[in-house]
């Protein structure tokens, strides 16, 4: 169960990075290969927060694969799909059909079985 708890935290950070990346891209405007555009992105706080989430998720992932068997640890990444679905609903106000929720339930059940 320790792996499951740590994997949930890591997946939340990973999903948070994805959500923040999408928010950063929405605020970025048209992509232009110019120094001005690139410098503006250095002050894009959504992009900075995205990087922090990814960095923390990576450090936690390093701990997970160092501590736990890879065959148990790697499937736990799929928990981020569950959090991604929730973010789609609550952050981006998307409609998620029932068949996708069925898939999420299968993912969650698989993670619990692998962690035991």
Protein backbone atom coordinates (compact mmCIF):
# COMPACT_ATOMS: atom_id res chain seq x y z
CA UNK A 1 0.00 0.00 0.00
CA UNK A 2 2.98 2.32 0.47
CA UNK A 3 3.66 2.10 -3.25
CA UNK A 4 0.06 3.02 -4.01
CA UNK A 5 0.18 6.12 -1.79
CA UNK A 6 3.49 7.33 -3.21
CA UNK A 7 2.28 6.60 -6.75
CA UNK A 8 -0.85 8.67 -6.17
CA UNK A 9 1.28 11.64 -5.12
CA UNK A 10 3.61 11.17 -8.10
CA UNK A 11 0.66 10.86 -10.49
CA UNK A 12 -0.96 13.98 -9.05
CA UNK A 13 2.26 15.90 -9.67
CA UNK A 14 2.52 14.48 -13.19
CA UNK A 15 -1.09 15.34 -14.00
CA UNK A 16 -0.68 18.76 -12.39
CA UNK A 17 2.26 19.38 -14.71
CA UNK A 18 0.12 18.47 -17.72
CA UNK A 19 -2.74 20.72 -16.61
CA UNK A 20 -0.36 23.62 -15.98
CA UNK A 21 1.29 23.03 -19.35
CA UNK A 22 -2.07 23.26 -21.11
CA UNK A 23 -2.91 26.44 -19.18
CA UNK A 24 0.50 27.89 -20.08
CA UNK A 25 0.00 27.07 -23.75
CA UNK A 26 -3.45 28.65 -23.76
CA UNK A 27 -1.97 31.91 -22.45
CA UNK A 28 1.12 31.80 -24.62
CA UNK A 29 -0.35 33.10 -27.86
CA UNK A 30 0.97 32.18 -31.28
CA UNK A 31 4.33 30.43 -31.26
CA UNK A 32 7.03 32.52 -32.92
CA UNK A 33 10.74 31.75 -33.12
CA UNK A 34 11.96 35.05 -31.72
CA UNK A 35 13.99 36.16 -28.75
CA UNK A 36 11.12 38.35 -27.55
CA UNK A 37 8.68 35.44 -27.56
CA UNK A 38 11.11 33.14 -25.74
CA UNK A 39 11.91 35.79 -23.13
CA UNK A 40 8.19 36.33 -22.49
CA UNK A 41 7.86 32.63 -21.75
CA UNK A 42 10.42 32.96 -18.94
CA UNK A 43 7.80 35.00 -17.08
CA UNK A 44 4.93 32.65 -17.89
CA UNK A 45 4.14 31.52 -14.33
CA UNK A 46 1.99 28.62 -15.53
CA UNK A 47 4.99 27.28 -17.44
CA UNK A 48 7.24 27.71 -14.40
CA UNK A 49 4.78 25.87 -12.15
CA UNK A 50 4.51 23.14 -14.77
CA UNK A 51 8.28 22.66 -14.63
CA UNK A 52 8.23 22.50 -10.84
CA UNK A 53 5.52 19.82 -10.90
CA UNK A 54 7.44 17.80 -13.49
CA UNK A 55 10.66 18.15 -11.50
CA UNK A 56 9.05 16.97 -8.26
CA UNK A 57 7.27 14.11 -10.07
CA UNK A 58 10.58 13.04 -11.59
CA UNK A 59 12.35 13.03 -8.23
CA UNK A 60 9.56 10.98 -6.71
CA UNK A 61 9.64 8.63 -9.70
CA UNK A 62 13.37 8.10 -9.14
CA UNK A 63 12.61 7.11 -5.55
CA UNK A 64 9.80 4.78 -6.65
CA UNK A 65 11.83 2.82 -9.21
CA UNK A 66 14.82 2.66 -6.86
CA UNK A 67 12.72 1.29 -3.98
CA UNK A 68 10.06 -0.92 -5.55
CA UNK A 69 10.11 -3.69 -8.17
CA UNK A 70 9.79 -2.20 -11.64
CA UNK A 71 6.98 -4.60 -12.53
CA UNK A 72 4.91 -3.07 -9.73
CA UNK A 73 6.07 0.52 -10.07
CA UNK A 74 5.68 1.12 -13.79
CA UNK A 75 1.96 0.30 -14.09
CA UNK A 76 1.26 2.82 -11.34
CA UNK A 77 1.97 5.63 -13.79
CA UNK A 78 -1.45 4.87 -15.24
CA UNK A 79 -3.00 6.52 -12.19
CA UNK A 80 -2.22 9.81 -13.90
CA UNK A 81 -4.91 8.92 -16.48
CA UNK A 82 -7.49 8.90 -13.70
CA UNK A 83 -6.40 12.31 -12.48
CA UNK A 84 -6.29 13.55 -16.06
CA UNK A 85 -9.95 12.63 -16.52
CA UNK A 86 -10.86 14.49 -13.35
CA UNK A 87 -8.86 17.52 -14.50
CA UNK A 88 -10.66 17.43 -17.85
CA UNK A 89 -13.96 17.76 -16.00
CA UNK A 90 -13.11 20.15 -13.20
CA UNK A 91 -10.45 22.36 -14.79
CA UNK A 92 -11.31 22.32 -18.50
CA UNK A 93 -15.08 21.67 -18.15
CA UNK A 94 -15.11 18.81 -20.66
CA UNK A 95 -17.85 16.20 -20.96
CA UNK A 96 -16.60 12.67 -20.23
CA UNK A 97 -18.80 9.82 -21.49
CA UNK A 98 -19.59 6.76 -19.36
CA UNK A 99 -17.39 4.44 -21.45
CA UNK A 100 -14.31 6.47 -20.50
CA UNK A 101 -15.28 6.22 -16.83
CA UNK A 102 -15.47 2.45 -17.26
CA UNK A 103 -11.93 2.54 -18.56
CA UNK A 104 -10.85 4.62 -15.56
CA UNK A 105 -12.40 2.04 -13.21
CA UNK A 106 -10.41 -0.73 -14.91
CA UNK A 107 -7.22 1.31 -14.54
CA UNK A 108 -7.87 1.89 -10.84
CA UNK A 109 -8.67 -1.78 -10.23
CA UNK A 110 -5.50 -2.82 -12.02
CA UNK A 111 -3.35 -0.49 -9.92
CA UNK A 112 -4.82 -1.83 -6.69
CA UNK A 113 -4.22 -5.43 -7.82
CA UNK A 114 -0.63 -4.70 -8.83
CA UNK A 115 0.13 -2.92 -5.54
CA UNK A 116 -0.97 -5.93 -3.45
